[in-house]
N, C-alpha and C. Protein backbone atom coordinates (compact mmCIF):
# COMPACT_ATOMS: atom_id res chain seq x y z
N MET A 1 162.00 61.56 166.72
CA MET A 1 161.28 61.66 165.47
C MET A 1 159.83 61.28 165.73
N ALA A 2 158.95 62.24 165.55
CA ALA A 2 157.55 62.01 165.88
C ALA A 2 156.89 61.00 164.93
N ASP A 3 157.01 61.20 163.64
CA ASP A 3 156.38 60.33 162.66
C ASP A 3 157.42 59.40 162.05
N SER A 4 157.73 58.34 162.79
CA SER A 4 158.73 57.40 162.31
C SER A 4 158.39 55.99 162.79
N LEU A 5 158.97 55.03 162.13
CA LEU A 5 158.87 53.63 162.55
C LEU A 5 160.25 53.21 163.05
N THR A 6 160.27 52.22 163.93
CA THR A 6 161.53 51.78 164.53
C THR A 6 161.76 50.30 164.24
N PHE A 7 163.01 49.97 163.94
CA PHE A 7 163.43 48.59 163.76
C PHE A 7 164.59 48.36 164.72
N LEU A 8 164.50 47.29 165.51
CA LEU A 8 165.57 46.99 166.47
C LEU A 8 166.66 46.17 165.79
N MET A 9 167.87 46.72 165.80
CA MET A 9 169.06 46.04 165.29
C MET A 9 169.86 45.62 166.51
N GLY A 10 169.47 44.50 167.10
CA GLY A 10 170.06 44.13 168.38
C GLY A 10 169.56 45.12 169.41
N GLN A 11 170.47 45.83 170.07
CA GLN A 11 170.08 46.82 171.07
C GLN A 11 169.92 48.21 170.48
N TYR A 12 170.29 48.38 169.22
CA TYR A 12 170.24 49.69 168.57
C TYR A 12 168.89 49.88 167.88
N GLU A 13 168.29 51.05 168.06
CA GLU A 13 167.04 51.40 167.39
C GLU A 13 167.35 52.17 166.11
N ALA A 14 166.91 51.65 164.99
CA ALA A 14 167.01 52.38 163.72
C ALA A 14 165.64 52.98 163.45
N ARG A 15 165.60 54.30 163.25
CA ARG A 15 164.33 54.99 163.02
C ARG A 15 164.21 55.39 161.55
N PHE A 16 162.97 55.27 161.06
CA PHE A 16 162.70 55.56 159.65
C PHE A 16 161.53 56.53 159.54
N PRO A 17 161.81 57.77 159.16
CA PRO A 17 160.72 58.75 158.99
C PRO A 17 159.69 58.23 157.99
N THR A 18 158.43 58.43 158.30
CA THR A 18 157.36 57.95 157.44
C THR A 18 157.03 58.94 156.31
N ASP A 19 157.72 60.08 156.28
CA ASP A 19 157.47 61.07 155.22
C ASP A 19 158.31 60.82 153.97
N ARG A 20 158.92 59.66 153.89
CA ARG A 20 159.74 59.32 152.73
C ARG A 20 159.59 57.85 152.40
N CYS A 21 160.16 57.47 151.26
CA CYS A 21 160.15 56.09 150.81
C CYS A 21 161.54 55.50 151.01
N TYR A 22 161.66 54.19 150.75
CA TYR A 22 162.92 53.50 150.97
C TYR A 22 163.19 52.52 149.84
N ALA A 23 164.47 52.34 149.52
CA ALA A 23 164.90 51.42 148.47
C ALA A 23 165.51 50.18 149.12
N ARG A 24 165.52 49.07 148.38
CA ARG A 24 166.07 47.82 148.90
C ARG A 24 167.56 47.95 149.22
N ASN A 25 168.25 48.92 148.60
CA ASN A 25 169.68 49.09 148.87
C ASN A 25 169.92 50.01 150.07
N HIS A 26 168.90 50.18 150.90
CA HIS A 26 168.99 50.88 152.18
C HIS A 26 169.23 52.38 152.04
N MET A 27 168.62 52.95 151.01
CA MET A 27 168.60 54.41 150.87
C MET A 27 167.17 54.89 151.10
N TRP A 28 167.06 56.08 151.70
CA TRP A 28 165.75 56.72 151.79
C TRP A 28 165.57 57.60 150.56
N ALA A 29 164.33 57.90 150.23
CA ALA A 29 164.00 58.74 149.09
C ALA A 29 162.89 59.70 149.50
N GLN A 30 163.11 60.98 149.25
CA GLN A 30 162.09 61.97 149.56
C GLN A 30 161.78 62.75 148.28
N GLN A 31 160.50 62.77 147.92
CA GLN A 31 160.13 63.45 146.69
C GLN A 31 160.14 64.96 146.93
N ARG A 32 160.80 65.66 146.01
CA ARG A 32 160.93 67.12 146.06
C ARG A 32 160.62 67.63 144.66
N GLN A 33 159.39 68.09 144.46
CA GLN A 33 158.88 68.49 143.15
C GLN A 33 159.06 67.36 142.14
N ASP A 34 159.88 67.55 141.11
CA ASP A 34 160.01 66.55 140.04
C ASP A 34 161.14 65.56 140.28
N ARG A 35 161.73 65.56 141.45
CA ARG A 35 162.89 64.69 141.70
C ARG A 35 162.80 63.99 143.04
N TRP A 36 163.62 62.96 143.16
CA TRP A 36 163.76 62.21 144.40
C TRP A 36 165.13 62.53 145.00
N ARG A 37 165.16 62.88 146.26
CA ARG A 37 166.42 63.08 146.99
C ARG A 37 166.71 61.80 147.76
N PHE A 38 167.95 61.30 147.64
CA PHE A 38 168.34 60.04 148.28
C PHE A 38 169.42 60.24 149.33
N GLY A 39 169.38 59.39 150.34
CA GLY A 39 170.40 59.34 151.37
C GLY A 39 170.39 57.95 151.98
N PHE A 40 171.31 57.68 152.90
CA PHE A 40 171.36 56.38 153.55
C PHE A 40 170.38 56.31 154.70
N SER A 41 169.68 55.18 154.82
CA SER A 41 168.77 54.98 155.95
C SER A 41 169.58 54.78 157.23
N ALA A 42 168.90 54.90 158.37
CA ALA A 42 169.54 54.68 159.66
C ALA A 42 170.13 53.27 159.74
N TYR A 43 169.49 52.32 159.09
CA TYR A 43 169.98 50.94 159.05
C TYR A 43 171.36 50.90 158.38
N ALA A 44 171.49 51.52 157.23
CA ALA A 44 172.76 51.54 156.50
C ALA A 44 173.84 52.26 157.29
N VAL A 45 173.49 53.41 157.85
CA VAL A 45 174.47 54.19 158.60
C VAL A 45 174.97 53.40 159.82
N ARG A 46 174.06 52.69 160.48
CA ARG A 46 174.46 51.90 161.65
C ARG A 46 175.40 50.76 161.24
N LEU A 47 175.11 50.10 160.12
CA LEU A 47 175.98 49.01 159.67
C LEU A 47 177.34 49.54 159.20
N LEU A 48 177.35 50.70 158.54
CA LEU A 48 178.60 51.26 158.03
C LEU A 48 179.47 51.79 159.16
N GLN A 49 178.90 52.57 160.05
CA GLN A 49 179.61 53.25 161.14
C GLN A 49 180.77 54.11 160.65
N ASP A 50 180.70 55.38 160.90
CA ASP A 50 181.77 56.34 160.63
C ASP A 50 182.26 56.32 159.18
N VAL A 51 181.43 56.82 158.30
CA VAL A 51 181.80 56.94 156.89
C VAL A 51 182.92 57.97 156.76
N TYR A 52 183.98 57.61 156.04
CA TYR A 52 185.07 58.57 155.85
C TYR A 52 185.48 58.77 154.39
N PHE A 53 184.91 58.00 153.45
CA PHE A 53 185.25 58.19 152.05
C PHE A 53 184.03 57.88 151.19
N LEU A 54 183.76 58.77 150.23
CA LEU A 54 182.65 58.62 149.31
C LEU A 54 183.14 59.03 147.93
N ASP A 55 182.85 58.22 146.92
CA ASP A 55 183.29 58.53 145.56
C ASP A 55 182.18 58.16 144.58
N TRP A 56 181.89 59.05 143.65
CA TRP A 56 180.88 58.82 142.63
C TRP A 56 181.53 58.55 141.28
N THR A 57 180.95 57.64 140.52
CA THR A 57 181.37 57.39 139.14
C THR A 57 180.30 57.91 138.19
N ILE A 58 179.44 58.77 138.71
CA ILE A 58 178.34 59.37 137.94
C ILE A 58 178.51 60.87 137.89
N ASP A 59 177.82 61.48 136.94
CA ASP A 59 177.78 62.94 136.81
C ASP A 59 176.34 63.38 136.66
N GLU A 60 176.10 64.63 136.98
CA GLU A 60 174.77 65.20 136.77
C GLU A 60 174.39 65.07 135.31
N GLY A 61 173.13 64.71 135.07
CA GLY A 61 172.63 64.54 133.71
C GLY A 61 172.70 63.13 133.18
N MET A 62 173.44 62.25 133.85
CA MET A 62 173.56 60.85 133.39
C MET A 62 172.25 60.11 133.58
N GLU A 63 171.94 59.26 132.61
CA GLU A 63 170.80 58.34 132.73
C GLU A 63 171.31 57.05 133.36
N LEU A 64 170.57 56.55 134.36
CA LEU A 64 170.98 55.35 135.09
C LEU A 64 169.88 54.30 135.06
N ALA A 65 170.30 53.04 135.04
CA ALA A 65 169.37 51.92 135.21
C ALA A 65 169.33 51.60 136.70
N GLU A 66 168.19 51.12 137.18
CA GLU A 66 168.11 50.68 138.57
C GLU A 66 169.16 49.58 138.78
N GLY A 67 169.92 49.70 139.86
CA GLY A 67 170.94 48.71 140.18
C GLY A 67 172.28 48.95 139.52
N GLN A 68 172.40 50.00 138.70
CA GLN A 68 173.67 50.31 138.05
C GLN A 68 174.66 50.83 139.09
N GLU A 69 175.91 50.41 139.01
CA GLU A 69 176.92 50.88 139.96
C GLU A 69 177.15 52.37 139.75
N ILE A 70 177.16 53.12 140.87
CA ILE A 70 177.27 54.58 140.78
C ILE A 70 178.43 55.15 141.59
N GLY A 71 179.10 54.32 142.39
CA GLY A 71 180.20 54.84 143.18
C GLY A 71 180.60 53.84 144.26
N SER A 72 181.33 54.37 145.25
CA SER A 72 181.77 53.51 146.35
C SER A 72 181.84 54.31 147.64
N ILE A 73 181.84 53.57 148.74
CA ILE A 73 181.89 54.17 150.06
C ILE A 73 182.82 53.34 150.94
N GLU A 74 183.52 54.02 151.84
CA GLU A 74 184.36 53.34 152.82
C GLU A 74 184.02 53.90 154.19
N SER A 75 184.03 53.00 155.16
CA SER A 75 183.74 53.41 156.53
C SER A 75 184.58 52.58 157.48
N LYS A 76 184.38 52.84 158.75
CA LYS A 76 185.07 52.08 159.79
C LYS A 76 184.81 50.58 159.66
N LYS A 77 183.60 50.21 159.24
CA LYS A 77 183.19 48.80 159.22
C LYS A 77 183.19 48.14 157.86
N ALA A 78 183.13 48.93 156.76
CA ALA A 78 182.94 48.28 155.46
C ALA A 78 183.41 49.14 154.30
N GLU A 79 183.69 48.46 153.21
CA GLU A 79 183.89 49.09 151.90
C GLU A 79 182.81 48.50 151.02
N SER A 80 182.17 49.34 150.22
CA SER A 80 181.08 48.83 149.42
C SER A 80 180.89 49.64 148.15
N ALA A 81 180.48 48.96 147.10
CA ALA A 81 180.04 49.64 145.89
C ALA A 81 178.63 50.17 146.16
N LEU A 82 178.27 51.25 145.49
CA LEU A 82 176.94 51.84 145.62
C LEU A 82 176.21 51.68 144.29
N TYR A 83 174.89 51.51 144.37
CA TYR A 83 174.08 51.24 143.19
C TYR A 83 172.88 52.16 143.13
N ALA A 84 172.44 52.48 141.92
CA ALA A 84 171.29 53.36 141.72
C ALA A 84 170.04 52.72 142.31
N PRO A 85 169.31 53.45 143.16
CA PRO A 85 168.12 52.89 143.78
C PRO A 85 166.91 52.83 142.83
N ILE A 86 166.90 53.68 141.81
CA ILE A 86 165.84 53.69 140.81
C ILE A 86 166.46 53.98 139.44
N ALA A 87 165.67 53.77 138.40
CA ALA A 87 166.09 54.18 137.06
C ALA A 87 165.73 55.66 136.90
N GLY A 88 166.58 56.40 136.20
CA GLY A 88 166.29 57.81 135.98
C GLY A 88 167.54 58.59 135.65
N ARG A 89 167.39 59.91 135.73
CA ARG A 89 168.49 60.82 135.40
C ARG A 89 169.00 61.49 136.68
N VAL A 90 170.32 61.57 136.81
CA VAL A 90 170.94 62.23 137.96
C VAL A 90 170.69 63.73 137.81
N ALA A 91 169.99 64.32 138.77
CA ALA A 91 169.67 65.75 138.73
C ALA A 91 170.73 66.57 139.45
N SER A 92 171.22 66.07 140.58
CA SER A 92 172.26 66.78 141.32
C SER A 92 172.97 65.82 142.26
N ILE A 93 174.20 66.18 142.58
CA ILE A 93 175.03 65.41 143.51
C ILE A 93 175.41 66.36 144.65
N HIS A 94 175.30 65.90 145.87
CA HIS A 94 175.64 66.72 147.03
C HIS A 94 177.17 66.81 147.12
N GLN A 95 177.72 67.81 146.49
CA GLN A 95 179.17 67.96 146.35
C GLN A 95 179.89 68.10 147.69
N ALA A 96 179.26 68.74 148.67
CA ALA A 96 179.92 68.94 149.96
C ALA A 96 180.29 67.63 150.63
N LEU A 97 179.51 66.57 150.39
CA LEU A 97 179.82 65.28 151.01
C LEU A 97 181.06 64.64 150.43
N LEU A 98 181.42 65.00 149.20
CA LEU A 98 182.65 64.45 148.62
C LEU A 98 183.87 64.98 149.36
N GLN A 99 183.80 66.21 149.83
CA GLN A 99 184.90 66.81 150.60
C GLN A 99 184.91 66.32 152.04
N ASP A 100 183.69 66.16 152.60
CA ASP A 100 183.58 65.75 154.00
C ASP A 100 182.34 64.86 154.17
N PRO A 101 182.50 63.54 153.99
CA PRO A 101 181.36 62.64 154.07
C PRO A 101 180.85 62.39 155.50
N SER A 102 181.44 63.05 156.49
CA SER A 102 180.99 62.83 157.87
C SER A 102 179.56 63.31 158.08
N GLY A 103 179.04 64.15 157.19
CA GLY A 103 177.64 64.58 157.28
C GLY A 103 176.68 63.41 157.22
N ILE A 104 177.10 62.33 156.57
CA ILE A 104 176.29 61.11 156.51
C ILE A 104 176.11 60.55 157.92
N ASN A 105 177.15 60.60 158.73
CA ASN A 105 177.11 60.06 160.08
C ASN A 105 176.26 60.93 161.01
N VAL A 106 176.32 62.23 160.80
CA VAL A 106 175.70 63.19 161.72
C VAL A 106 174.23 63.44 161.41
N SER A 107 173.90 63.59 160.14
CA SER A 107 172.54 64.01 159.77
C SER A 107 172.10 63.30 158.49
N HIS A 108 172.02 61.96 158.55
CA HIS A 108 171.75 61.19 157.33
C HIS A 108 170.37 61.45 156.74
N TYR A 109 169.40 61.92 157.53
CA TYR A 109 168.07 62.20 156.97
C TYR A 109 167.90 63.66 156.56
N GLU A 110 168.89 64.48 156.76
CA GLU A 110 168.77 65.89 156.39
C GLU A 110 169.98 66.32 155.54
N SER A 111 170.98 66.96 156.16
CA SER A 111 172.11 67.50 155.40
C SER A 111 173.05 66.43 154.87
N GLY A 112 172.86 65.17 155.28
CA GLY A 112 173.70 64.08 154.80
C GLY A 112 173.14 63.40 153.55
N TRP A 113 172.24 64.06 152.83
CA TRP A 113 171.69 63.47 151.60
C TRP A 113 172.79 63.32 150.55
N LEU A 114 172.62 62.37 149.64
CA LEU A 114 173.67 61.99 148.68
C LEU A 114 173.51 62.61 147.30
N PHE A 115 172.34 62.41 146.69
CA PHE A 115 172.10 62.88 145.32
C PHE A 115 170.61 62.95 145.06
N GLU A 116 170.26 63.59 143.94
CA GLU A 116 168.87 63.68 143.52
C GLU A 116 168.75 63.10 142.11
N MET A 117 167.62 62.42 141.88
CA MET A 117 167.35 61.82 140.57
C MET A 117 165.94 62.17 140.13
N ILE A 118 165.78 62.23 138.82
CA ILE A 118 164.45 62.37 138.23
C ILE A 118 164.09 61.00 137.67
N GLY A 119 163.03 60.43 138.20
CA GLY A 119 162.59 59.10 137.79
C GLY A 119 161.25 58.78 138.43
N GLU A 120 160.68 57.67 138.03
CA GLU A 120 159.34 57.32 138.50
C GLU A 120 159.30 56.94 139.98
N GLY A 121 160.18 56.07 140.42
CA GLY A 121 160.22 55.69 141.82
C GLY A 121 159.18 54.66 142.24
N SER A 122 158.54 54.00 141.29
CA SER A 122 157.49 53.04 141.64
C SER A 122 158.02 51.82 142.39
N GLU A 123 159.33 51.56 142.30
CA GLU A 123 159.93 50.42 142.99
C GLU A 123 160.26 50.71 144.45
N LEU A 124 160.06 51.94 144.89
CA LEU A 124 160.37 52.31 146.27
C LEU A 124 159.30 51.79 147.22
N MET A 125 159.69 51.59 148.47
CA MET A 125 158.79 51.05 149.50
C MET A 125 158.39 52.14 150.49
N THR A 126 157.24 51.97 151.11
CA THR A 126 156.86 52.83 152.22
C THR A 126 157.74 52.48 153.42
N ALA A 127 157.72 53.30 154.45
CA ALA A 127 158.49 53.00 155.66
C ALA A 127 158.06 51.66 156.24
N GLY A 128 156.76 51.38 156.25
CA GLY A 128 156.25 50.11 156.78
C GLY A 128 156.75 48.92 155.98
N GLN A 129 156.72 49.04 154.66
CA GLN A 129 157.21 47.95 153.81
C GLN A 129 158.71 47.75 154.01
N TYR A 130 159.44 48.84 154.20
CA TYR A 130 160.89 48.74 154.41
C TYR A 130 161.20 48.03 155.74
N VAL A 131 160.47 48.35 156.80
CA VAL A 131 160.69 47.68 158.08
C VAL A 131 160.39 46.19 157.95
N GLU A 132 159.35 45.82 157.20
CA GLU A 132 159.06 44.40 156.95
C GLU A 132 160.22 43.75 156.18
N HIS A 133 160.75 44.46 155.19
CA HIS A 133 161.89 43.96 154.42
C HIS A 133 163.09 43.72 155.34
N LEU A 134 163.36 44.67 156.25
CA LEU A 134 164.49 44.53 157.17
C LEU A 134 164.30 43.31 158.07
N ALA A 135 163.08 43.09 158.53
CA ALA A 135 162.82 41.93 159.38
C ALA A 135 163.15 40.64 158.63
N GLU A 136 162.87 40.61 157.33
CA GLU A 136 163.15 39.43 156.52
C GLU A 136 164.66 39.19 156.32
N VAL A 137 165.45 40.25 156.21
CA VAL A 137 166.88 40.11 155.91
C VAL A 137 167.78 40.22 157.15
N TRP A 138 167.21 40.56 158.30
CA TRP A 138 168.02 40.83 159.49
C TRP A 138 168.82 39.61 159.94
N GLU A 139 168.25 38.43 159.90
CA GLU A 139 168.97 37.24 160.35
C GLU A 139 170.24 37.01 159.51
N VAL A 140 170.11 37.13 158.20
CA VAL A 140 171.27 36.96 157.31
C VAL A 140 172.29 38.07 157.58
N THR A 141 171.82 39.29 157.80
CA THR A 141 172.71 40.41 158.08
C THR A 141 173.50 40.16 159.36
N GLN A 142 172.84 39.67 160.39
CA GLN A 142 173.54 39.38 161.65
C GLN A 142 174.63 38.33 161.47
N ARG A 143 174.32 37.28 160.69
CA ARG A 143 175.34 36.25 160.44
C ARG A 143 176.53 36.83 159.68
N THR A 144 176.25 37.71 158.74
CA THR A 144 177.31 38.35 157.96
C THR A 144 178.20 39.20 158.87
N ILE A 145 177.55 39.98 159.72
CA ILE A 145 178.30 40.84 160.65
C ILE A 145 179.17 39.99 161.57
N LYS A 146 178.60 38.93 162.13
CA LYS A 146 179.37 38.06 163.02
C LYS A 146 180.52 37.41 162.29
N GLY A 147 180.32 37.03 161.04
CA GLY A 147 181.38 36.45 160.23
C GLY A 147 182.51 37.43 160.00
N GLN A 148 182.16 38.70 159.80
CA GLN A 148 183.19 39.73 159.60
C GLN A 148 183.97 39.93 160.89
N LEU A 149 183.29 39.86 162.02
CA LEU A 149 183.95 40.05 163.30
C LEU A 149 184.92 38.91 163.61
N ASN A 150 184.63 37.74 163.07
CA ASN A 150 185.48 36.57 163.33
C ASN A 150 186.65 36.45 162.35
N ASP A 151 186.70 37.29 161.32
CA ASP A 151 187.79 37.25 160.33
C ASP A 151 189.08 37.76 160.93
C-alpha cells in the first residue's frame, strides 16, 4: 500500500490507507458521494482472525445513534457485538458478506466492506489520529489478548 501508515502489533504490521478515516470501534470509513462506506480496519481483522459469522440487527433506511448496537460477529478468536461508528441512516448493507463473511479476511479494505451510512462523520479520525489512538490502547489490548490465551 503506497499511501498508508503502519502500526506494529507485536511482529504483525497493520496498515491503514490514508485515503479514508477511522472510527474508535476499529472500522475504516471512506466517503463516497453522500455516504460513508465502512469496513474493519487491519487492526480489527488481525485481532479477530478468520471471521466466519456476521449478523446484522439493522435494515437499510434505519436511523442509528453513534454507538448503537447493530449486529454481531464471530471469528476464530472472538465473539463480539458490533456498534454504529457514526450517527446517521443506513444506506446499504453488503449482503454478500452475510452469506460468506470470509471476504472480510481476504479484502477488508475493498470487497470486504460492511455497510454504508449517510451521516456527518465529524467524529471520525484521520489515519494518523487512528494510529495515535492505537498506540494509546495497545498495552491494554495486549493484556486482554494474553488473558484470553490463559483462559
